Each structure stands twice: as C-alpha cells, then as structure tokens.
Amino acid sequence: AVDNLSLNFYEGNITSLLGHNGAGKTTTISILTGLFPTSSGTIFVYGKDIRTDQEVIRKNMGVCMQHNVLFNYLTTKEHLLLYGYIKVPHWSKQELYQEVKRTLKETGLYSHRHKLAGSLSGGMKRKLSIAIALLGGSRVVILDEPTTGVDPCSRRSIWEIISKNKKGRTIILSTHHLDEAEVLSDRIAFLEHGGLKCCGSPFYLKETFGDGYHLTLTKKKVC
C-alpha cells in the first residue's frame, strides 16, 4: 500500500524509488501507470490528470514492468515493430523502421534482431523490454526493477542504456539496490511502508544522512 505519498519528477532526470521488498515501489509504479486507481489524491503528467486523461498520458509513456511481456515466437525486431505500431500508429512505415533500427543499435540488440525472444538470454530479454519502453520517443519512461535477474555484465550494460536515454525524458525506476540508485539517479526517493522517508540527490543524501568514520594511521620507523 501507498500512504500519503507526494513526489515531483523532472524531465531530463532519472529518479529512483529505493526500498526493500514490500516498501511500496511496485504499487507506486502501478499507480503511476494507471494500473491501480488511487483511493485519494491524483497524479499529473505534463499537466494532464491521470483520472481524466489516462489515454493521452499513456500515449507518451513507456513502461517496463518487473516481468518481461514478450512473445517467444516473435523476433527481437518483430517485437519493436509490433509495439511501435501500437504506440505510434500515426508514423509512416519508413519512420517506424528507422526508429526500430536506431533503438536496436542503441540497446545493443541489432546483432540479435532476427533471434526469437524465446532464445534470448535473461539479460537480452530485459534489454528488449527496456527498448520497447523507450521506443517511439516516450517522454515518460517507467522501469520497475529493470535489472532483476541479470548478470553483472548485463546489469552495467542496462545502466548505460538508461543513462544515455534520459535527455528529453522523465525516467522513473524502482530498485532495491543502493549501488544502482547511486550510479543512475539524479534524485533518489527512499520508500518505507508505502511512505516517503526522504528524497534528494545521492550527494545530498550522503552528506545529510551518511554515517562514516575517519581512520588516521601513523607510520613510525622501526629501528
């Protein structure tokens, strides 16, 4: 559950929702995407109220949930074409194919474009899910634990993809990894029991709440 949560997200920034399992991250993500209604309060996305303008908001939103929504019998390229036709139906065929090619190259999936999704590794599947969220110039991109279940190498590759694509977008991601939030985020929001505990840049949070010790050693010559 989410309790009296108030947050601002900014274009060109990556904001991480950080917290342990059960802190309210996925529930918050589900409310932001319109999957769950709010019992009170609302969400505004570029001035549009999610209660009344959900269809308009979703046209500018890309989402990658915890679990991959992929079809084993479609190739990587076919996935992007399918979701592209749904997300930007007004684009010409040439525009869509150019965007798919650009997205495949940007996410490191171009050499795997003809592979069936069912044959991809876990890391490649997560990259494909993130590519779908980024496709079509989505202004708001929501990523729910985007590096879940991937190896360290794929994890860093995914970090790079997310960082490169924040310009002109509002990126919101949830994670329970402190290092991930610190590396990626312009701002980190700590959630606990569905409420906001604190929010700020990684530097600000370290300076304000970080506990540390200074150890001074003196080396003496031994005769």
C-alpha atoms as a PDB file:
ATOM      1  CA  ALA A   1       0.000   0.000   0.000  1.00  0.00           C
ATOM      2  CA  VAL A   2       0.981   3.634  -0.526  1.00  0.00           C
ATOM      3  CA  ASP A   3       0.315   6.164   2.219  1.00  0.00           C
ATOM      4  CA  ASN A   4       0.121   9.924   1.536  1.00  0.00           C
ATOM      5  CA  LEU A   5       2.970   9.883  -0.989  1.00  0.00           C
ATOM      6  CA  SER A   6       3.900  13.212  -2.612  1.00  0.00           C
ATOM      7  CA  LEU A   7       6.709  13.364  -5.192  1.00  0.00           C
ATOM      8  CA  ASN A   8       7.831  15.504  -8.122  1.00  0.00           C
ATOM      9  CA  PHE A   9       9.656  14.067 -11.132  1.00  0.00           C
ATOM     10  CA  TYR A  10      11.673  16.165 -13.578  1.00  0.00           C
ATOM     11  CA  GLU A  11      12.390  15.959 -17.296  1.00  0.00           C
ATOM     12  CA  GLY A  12      15.985  15.106 -18.109  1.00  0.00           C
ATOM     13  CA  ASN A  13      16.378  13.402 -14.736  1.00  0.00           C
ATOM     14  CA  ILE A  14      16.389   9.826 -13.517  1.00  0.00           C
ATOM     15  CA  THR A  15      14.544   9.388 -10.230  1.00  0.00           C
ATOM     16  CA  SER A  16      14.923   6.099  -8.364  1.00  0.00           C
ATOM     17  CA  LEU A  17      12.353   4.707  -5.967  1.00  0.00           C
ATOM     18  CA  LEU A  18      14.536   2.836  -3.491  1.00  0.00           C
ATOM     19  CA  GLY A  19      13.324   0.458  -0.813  1.00  0.00           C
ATOM     20  CA  HIS A  20      13.254  -3.136   0.364  1.00  0.00           C
ATOM     21  CA  ASN A  21      10.656  -5.659  -0.826  1.00  0.00           C
ATOM     22  CA  GLY A  22       7.221  -4.537   0.354  1.00  0.00           C
ATOM     23  CA  ALA A  23       8.199  -0.868   0.678  1.00  0.00           C
ATOM     24  CA  GLY A  24       5.589   0.176  -1.893  1.00  0.00           C
ATOM     25  CA  LYS A  25       7.749   0.573  -5.012  1.00  0.00           C
ATOM     26  CA  THR A  26       5.743  -1.646  -7.360  1.00  0.00           C
ATOM     27  CA  THR A  27       2.430  -0.312  -6.036  1.00  0.00           C
ATOM     28  CA  THR A  28       3.638   3.235  -6.720  1.00  0.00           C
ATOM     29  CA  ILE A  29       4.719   2.208 -10.230  1.00  0.00           C
ATOM     30  CA  SER A  30       1.317   0.579 -10.836  1.00  0.00           C
ATOM     31  CA  ILE A  31      -0.469   3.776  -9.770  1.00  0.00           C
ATOM     32  CA  LEU A  32       1.811   5.920 -11.960  1.00  0.00           C
ATOM     33  CA  THR A  33       0.989   3.769 -14.988  1.00  0.00           C
ATOM     34  CA  GLY A  34      -2.738   3.762 -14.262  1.00  0.00           C
ATOM     35  CA  LEU A  35      -2.948   0.040 -13.487  1.00  0.00           C
ATOM     36  CA  PHE A  36      -4.214   0.773  -9.964  1.00  0.00           C
ATOM     37  CA  PRO A  37      -6.570   3.675  -9.160  1.00  0.00           C
ATOM     38  CA  THR A  38      -5.827   5.932  -6.212  1.00  0.00           C
ATOM     39  CA  SER A  39      -8.215   5.937  -3.255  1.00  0.00           C
ATOM     40  CA  SER A  40      -7.430   9.640  -2.793  1.00  0.00           C
ATOM     41  CA  GLY A  41      -5.238  12.220  -4.490  1.00  0.00           C
ATOM     42  CA  THR A  42      -4.102  12.105  -8.107  1.00  0.00           C
ATOM     43  CA  ILE A  43      -1.126  12.210 -10.478  1.00  0.00           C
ATOM     44  CA  PHE A  44      -0.371  14.886 -13.058  1.00  0.00           C
ATOM     45  CA  VAL A  45       1.789  14.034 -16.068  1.00  0.00           C
ATOM     46  CA  TYR A  46       2.788  17.090 -18.096  1.00  0.00           C
ATOM     47  CA  GLY A  47      -0.300  18.865 -16.789  1.00  0.00           C
ATOM     48  CA  LYS A  48      -2.713  16.001 -17.544  1.00  0.00           C
ATOM     49  CA  ASP A  49      -4.706  14.377 -14.720  1.00  0.00           C
ATOM     50  CA  ILE A  50      -4.394  10.588 -14.746  1.00  0.00           C
ATOM     51  CA  ARG A  51      -8.006  10.272 -13.530  1.00  0.00           C
ATOM     52  CA  THR A  52      -9.448  12.015 -16.599  1.00  0.00           C
ATOM     53  CA  ASP A  53      -6.703  11.973 -19.268  1.00  0.00           C
ATOM     54  CA  GLN A  54      -5.283   8.475 -18.923  1.00  0.00           C
ATOM     55  CA  GLU A  55      -5.462   7.724 -22.648  1.00  0.00           C
ATOM     56  CA  VAL A  56      -3.493  10.869 -23.558  1.00  0.00           C
ATOM     57  CA  ILE A  57      -0.912  10.212 -20.826  1.00  0.00           C
ATOM     58  CA  ARG A  58      -0.315   6.626 -21.941  1.00  0.00           C
ATOM     59  CA  LYS A  59       0.493   7.769 -25.488  1.00  0.00           C
ATOM     60  CA  ASN A  60       3.594   9.493 -24.112  1.00  0.00           C
ATOM     61  CA  MET A  61       4.530   6.780 -21.617  1.00  0.00           C
ATOM     62  CA  GLY A  62       6.797   3.754 -21.935  1.00  0.00           C
ATOM     63  CA  VAL A  63       6.721   1.029 -19.286  1.00  0.00           C
ATOM     64  CA  CYS A  64       8.982  -1.892 -18.419  1.00  0.00           C
ATOM     65  CA  MET A  65       7.495  -3.973 -15.625  1.00  0.00           C
ATOM     66  CA  GLN A  66       9.322  -6.496 -13.420  1.00  0.00           C
ATOM     67  CA  HIS A  67       8.302  -9.380 -15.650  1.00  0.00           C
ATOM     68  CA  ASN A  68       9.039  -9.341 -19.377  1.00  0.00           C
ATOM     69  CA  VAL A  69       5.958  -9.086 -21.595  1.00  0.00           C
ATOM     70  CA  LEU A  70       7.411 -10.874 -24.616  1.00  0.00           C
ATOM     71  CA  PHE A  71       6.264 -13.461 -27.154  1.00  0.00           C
ATOM     72  CA  ASN A  72       8.593 -16.425 -27.627  1.00  0.00           C
ATOM     73  CA  TYR A  73       7.625 -16.856 -31.299  1.00  0.00           C
ATOM     74  CA  LEU A  74       8.437 -13.261 -32.335  1.00  0.00           C
ATOM     75  CA  THR A  75      11.916 -11.970 -33.120  1.00  0.00           C
ATOM     76  CA  THR A  76      13.507  -9.007 -31.376  1.00  0.00           C
ATOM     77  CA  LYS A  77      12.818  -6.771 -34.372  1.00  0.00           C
ATOM     78  CA  GLU A  78       9.227  -8.004 -34.696  1.00  0.00           C
ATOM     79  CA  HIS A  79       8.588  -7.079 -31.054  1.00  0.00           C
ATOM     80  CA  LEU A  80       9.663  -3.491 -31.661  1.00  0.00           C
ATOM     81  CA  LEU A  81       7.612  -3.263 -34.850  1.00  0.00           C
ATOM     82  CA  LEU A  82       4.530  -4.657 -33.078  1.00  0.00           C
ATOM     83  CA  TYR A  83       4.775  -2.291 -30.110  1.00  0.00           C
ATOM     84  CA  GLY A  84       5.731   0.540 -32.443  1.00  0.00           C
ATOM     85  CA  TYR A  85       2.524   0.148 -34.459  1.00  0.00           C
ATOM     86  CA  ILE A  86       0.592   0.292 -31.171  1.00  0.00           C
ATOM     87  CA  LYS A  87       2.487   3.233 -29.619  1.00  0.00           C
ATOM     88  CA  VAL A  88       2.868   5.471 -32.684  1.00  0.00           C
ATOM     89  CA  PRO A  89       0.208   4.391 -35.208  1.00  0.00           C
ATOM     90  CA  HIS A  90       0.419   7.766 -36.999  1.00  0.00           C
ATOM     91  CA  TRP A  91       4.035   7.192 -38.061  1.00  0.00           C
ATOM     92  CA  SER A  92       4.804   6.121 -41.614  1.00  0.00           C
ATOM     93  CA  LYS A  93       6.301   2.694 -42.221  1.00  0.00           C
ATOM     94  CA  GLN A  94       9.656   4.291 -43.054  1.00  0.00           C
ATOM     95  CA  GLU A  95       9.685   6.354 -39.837  1.00  0.00           C
ATOM     96  CA  LEU A  96       8.897   3.303 -37.732  1.00  0.00           C
ATOM     97  CA  TYR A  97      11.551   1.129 -39.384  1.00  0.00           C
ATOM     98  CA  GLN A  98      14.167   3.857 -38.862  1.00  0.00           C
ATOM     99  CA  GLU A  99      13.186   4.181 -35.188  1.00  0.00           C
ATOM    100  CA  VAL A 100      13.322   0.398 -34.708  1.00  0.00           C
ATOM    101  CA  LYS A 101      16.780   0.238 -36.302  1.00  0.00           C
ATOM    102  CA  ARG A 102      18.037   3.118 -34.140  1.00  0.00           C
ATOM    103  CA  THR A 103      16.630   1.550 -30.964  1.00  0.00           C
ATOM    104  CA  LEU A 104      18.125  -1.859 -31.760  1.00  0.00           C
ATOM    105  CA  LYS A 105      21.570  -0.326 -32.261  1.00  0.00           C
ATOM    106  CA  GLU A 106      21.307   1.898 -29.195  1.00  0.00           C
ATOM    107  CA  THR A 107      20.414  -1.003 -26.919  1.00  0.00           C
ATOM    108  CA  GLY A 108      22.977  -3.426 -28.347  1.00  0.00           C
ATOM    109  CA  LEU A 109      20.302  -5.689 -29.815  1.00  0.00           C
ATOM    110  CA  TYR A 110      20.941  -5.083 -33.519  1.00  0.00           C
ATOM    111  CA  SER A 111      23.028  -8.234 -33.982  1.00  0.00           C
ATOM    112  CA  HIS A 112      20.204 -10.200 -32.304  1.00  0.00           C
ATOM    113  CA  ARG A 113      17.366  -8.625 -34.317  1.00  0.00           C
ATOM    114  CA  HIS A 114      16.412 -11.878 -36.082  1.00  0.00           C
ATOM    115  CA  LYS A 115      16.543 -14.066 -32.974  1.00  0.00           C
ATOM    116  CA  LEU A 116      13.326 -15.338 -31.409  1.00  0.00           C
ATOM    117  CA  ALA A 117      12.644 -13.836 -27.992  1.00  0.00           C
ATOM    118  CA  GLY A 118      12.398 -17.316 -26.509  1.00  0.00           C
ATOM    119  CA  SER A 119      16.047 -17.991 -27.397  1.00  0.00           C
ATOM    120  CA  LEU A 120      17.424 -14.802 -25.824  1.00  0.00           C
ATOM    121  CA  SER A 121      19.339 -14.754 -22.546  1.00  0.00           C
ATOM    122  CA  GLY A 122      17.799 -13.160 -19.456  1.00  0.00           C
ATOM    123  CA  GLY A 123      19.878 -10.023 -19.928  1.00  0.00           C
ATOM    124  CA  MET A 124      18.865  -9.679 -23.582  1.00  0.00           C
ATOM    125  CA  LYS A 125      15.196 -10.101 -22.687  1.00  0.00           C
ATOM    126  CA  ARG A 126      15.462  -7.265 -20.156  1.00  0.00           C
ATOM    127  CA  LYS A 127      17.174  -5.085 -22.770  1.00  0.00           C
ATOM    128  CA  LEU A 128      14.350  -5.826 -25.200  1.00  0.00           C
ATOM    129  CA  SER A 129      11.729  -4.888 -22.603  1.00  0.00           C
ATOM    130  CA  ILE A 130      13.566  -1.616 -21.926  1.00  0.00           C
ATOM    131  CA  ALA A 131      13.897  -0.968 -25.673  1.00  0.00           C
ATOM    132  CA  ILE A 132      10.111  -1.339 -26.021  1.00  0.00           C
ATOM    133  CA  ALA A 133       9.623   1.212 -23.223  1.00  0.00           C
ATOM    134  CA  LEU A 134      11.973   3.696 -24.931  1.00  0.00           C
ATOM    135  CA  LEU A 135      10.557   3.160 -28.430  1.00  0.00           C
ATOM    136  CA  GLY A 136       8.653   5.985 -30.085  1.00  0.00           C
ATOM    137  CA  GLY A 137      10.155   8.838 -28.090  1.00  0.00           C
ATOM    138  CA  SER A 138       8.218   8.167 -24.884  1.00  0.00           C
ATOM    139  CA  ARG A 139       8.511  11.318 -22.738  1.00  0.00           C
ATOM    140  CA  VAL A 140       7.855   9.392 -19.520  1.00  0.00           C
ATOM    141  CA  VAL A 141       9.650   6.076 -19.066  1.00  0.00           C
ATOM    142  CA  ILE A 142       8.855   3.899 -16.046  1.00  0.00           C
ATOM    143  CA  LEU A 143      11.132   0.959 -15.251  1.00  0.00           C
ATOM    144  CA  ASP A 144      10.192  -1.438 -12.459  1.00  0.00           C
ATOM    145  CA  GLU A 145      13.392  -3.132 -11.241  1.00  0.00           C
ATOM    146  CA  PRO A 146      14.928  -3.156 -14.752  1.00  0.00           C
ATOM    147  CA  THR A 147      17.986  -5.260 -13.808  1.00  0.00           C
ATOM    148  CA  THR A 148      16.118  -8.032 -11.987  1.00  0.00           C
ATOM    149  CA  GLY A 149      17.684 -11.442 -12.598  1.00  0.00           C
ATOM    150  CA  VAL A 150      20.529 -10.348 -14.892  1.00  0.00           C
ATOM    151  CA  ASP A 151      24.269 -10.963 -14.595  1.00  0.00           C
ATOM    152  CA  PRO A 152      26.666  -8.153 -13.549  1.00  0.00           C
ATOM    153  CA  CYS A 153      27.860  -7.509 -17.120  1.00  0.00           C
ATOM    154  CA  SER A 154      24.303  -7.144 -18.474  1.00  0.00           C
ATOM    155  CA  ARG A 155      23.422  -5.010 -15.461  1.00  0.00           C
ATOM    156  CA  ARG A 156      26.090  -2.435 -16.298  1.00  0.00           C
ATOM    157  CA  SER A 157      25.083  -2.512 -19.958  1.00  0.00           C
ATOM    158  CA  ILE A 158      21.476  -1.760 -18.954  1.00  0.00           C
ATOM    159  CA  TRP A 159      22.677   1.114 -16.734  1.00  0.00           C
ATOM    160  CA  GLU A 160      24.432   2.600 -19.763  1.00  0.00           C
ATOM    161  CA  ILE A 161      21.306   2.303 -21.926  1.00  0.00           C
ATOM    162  CA  ILE A 162      19.166   4.043 -19.305  1.00  0.00           C
ATOM    163  CA  SER A 163      21.698   6.833 -18.716  1.00  0.00           C
ATOM    164  CA  LYS A 164      22.100   7.551 -22.441  1.00  0.00           C
ATOM    165  CA  ASN A 165      18.352   7.941 -22.919  1.00  0.00           C
ATOM    166  CA  LYS A 166      17.433  10.403 -20.157  1.00  0.00           C
ATOM    167  CA  LYS A 167      17.697  13.548 -22.300  1.00  0.00           C
ATOM    168  CA  GLY A 168      14.219  14.928 -23.021  1.00  0.00           C
ATOM    169  CA  ARG A 169      12.592  12.221 -20.907  1.00  0.00           C
ATOM    170  CA  THR A 170      11.374  11.783 -17.361  1.00  0.00           C
ATOM    171  CA  ILE A 171      12.709   8.416 -16.211  1.00  0.00           C
ATOM    172  CA  ILE A 172      11.377   6.765 -13.057  1.00  0.00           C
ATOM    173  CA  LEU A 173      12.818   3.458 -11.926  1.00  0.00           C
ATOM    174  CA  SER A 174      12.382   1.273  -8.879  1.00  0.00           C
ATOM    175  CA  THR A 175      15.180  -0.739  -7.331  1.00  0.00           C
ATOM    176  CA  HIS A 176      16.297  -2.259  -4.044  1.00  0.00           C
ATOM    177  CA  HIS A 177      19.984  -1.970  -4.969  1.00  0.00           C
ATOM    178  CA  LEU A 178      21.654   1.056  -3.392  1.00  0.00           C
ATOM    179  CA  ASP A 179      24.593   0.984  -5.826  1.00  0.00           C
ATOM    180  CA  GLU A 180      22.203   1.006  -8.799  1.00  0.00           C
ATOM    181  CA  ALA A 181      20.299   4.000  -7.457  1.00  0.00           C
ATOM    182  CA  GLU A 182      23.548   5.837  -6.713  1.00  0.00           C
ATOM    183  CA  VAL A 183      25.054   5.235 -10.170  1.00  0.00           C
ATOM    184  CA  LEU A 184      21.944   6.066 -12.212  1.00  0.00           C
ATOM    185  CA  SER A 185      19.988   8.641 -10.273  1.00  0.00           C
ATOM    186  CA  ASP A 186      19.795  12.397 -10.271  1.00  0.00           C
ATOM    187  CA  ARG A 187      17.407  12.000  -7.337  1.00  0.00           C
ATOM    188  CA  ILE A 188      16.637   9.091  -5.003  1.00  0.00           C
ATOM    189  CA  ALA A 189      13.347   8.684  -3.122  1.00  0.00           C
ATOM    190  CA  PHE A 190      13.530   6.290  -0.169  1.00  0.00           C
ATOM    191  CA  LEU A 191      10.240   4.461   0.435  1.00  0.00           C
ATOM    192  CA  GLU A 192       9.248   2.552   3.563  1.00  0.00           C
ATOM    193  CA  HIS A 193       5.825   1.089   4.408  1.00  0.00           C
ATOM    194  CA  GLY A 194       4.346   2.944   1.425  1.00  0.00           C
ATOM    195  CA  GLY A 195       5.538   6.360   2.581  1.00  0.00           C
ATOM    196  CA  LEU A 196       8.356   8.701   1.598  1.00  0.00           C
ATOM    197  CA  LYS A 197      11.194   8.798   4.134  1.00  0.00           C
ATOM    198  CA  CYS A 198      13.498  11.217   2.303  1.00  0.00           C
ATOM    199  CA  CYS A 199      14.316  12.414  -1.212  1.00  0.00           C
ATOM    200  CA  GLY A 200      17.279  14.164  -2.814  1.00  0.00           C
ATOM    201  CA  SER A 201      20.415  13.791  -4.908  1.00  0.00           C
ATOM    202  CA  PRO A 202      22.827  10.989  -3.971  1.00  0.00           C
ATOM    203  CA  PHE A 203      25.354  13.606  -2.797  1.00  0.00           C
ATOM    204  CA  TYR A 204      22.789  15.423  -0.641  1.00  0.00           C
ATOM    205  CA  LEU A 205      21.566  12.203   0.964  1.00  0.00           C
ATOM    206  CA  LYS A 206      25.120  11.070   1.722  1.00  0.00           C
ATOM    207  CA  GLU A 207      26.025  14.418   3.265  1.00  0.00           C
ATOM    208  CA  THR A 208      22.818  14.624   5.308  1.00  0.00           C
ATOM    209  CA  PHE A 209      22.272  11.057   6.452  1.00  0.00           C
ATOM    210  CA  GLY A 210      25.528   9.222   5.817  1.00  0.00           C
ATOM    211  CA  ASP A 211      27.394   7.837   8.815  1.00  0.00           C
ATOM    212  CA  GLY A 212      31.110   7.446   8.355  1.00  0.00           C
ATOM    213  CA  TYR A 213      34.401   7.205  10.144  1.00  0.00           C
ATOM    214  CA  HIS A 214      37.840   8.668   9.504  1.00  0.00           C
ATOM    215  CA  LEU A 215      40.717   6.409  10.446  1.00  0.00           C
ATOM    216  CA  THR A 216      44.107   8.068  10.827  1.00  0.00           C
ATOM    217  CA  LEU A 217      47.201   5.872  10.832  1.00  0.00           C
ATOM    218  CA  THR A 218      50.681   6.987  11.789  1.00  0.00           C
ATOM    219  CA  LYS A 219      53.587   5.007  10.454  1.00  0.00           C
ATOM    220  CA  LYS A 220      56.730   5.050  12.562  1.00  0.00           C
ATOM    221  CA  LYS A 221      60.135   3.840  11.576  1.00  0.00           C
ATOM    222  CA  VAL A 222      61.200   0.686  13.342  1.00  0.00           C
ATOM    223  CA  CYS A 223      64.891   0.733  14.293  1.00  0.00           C
END
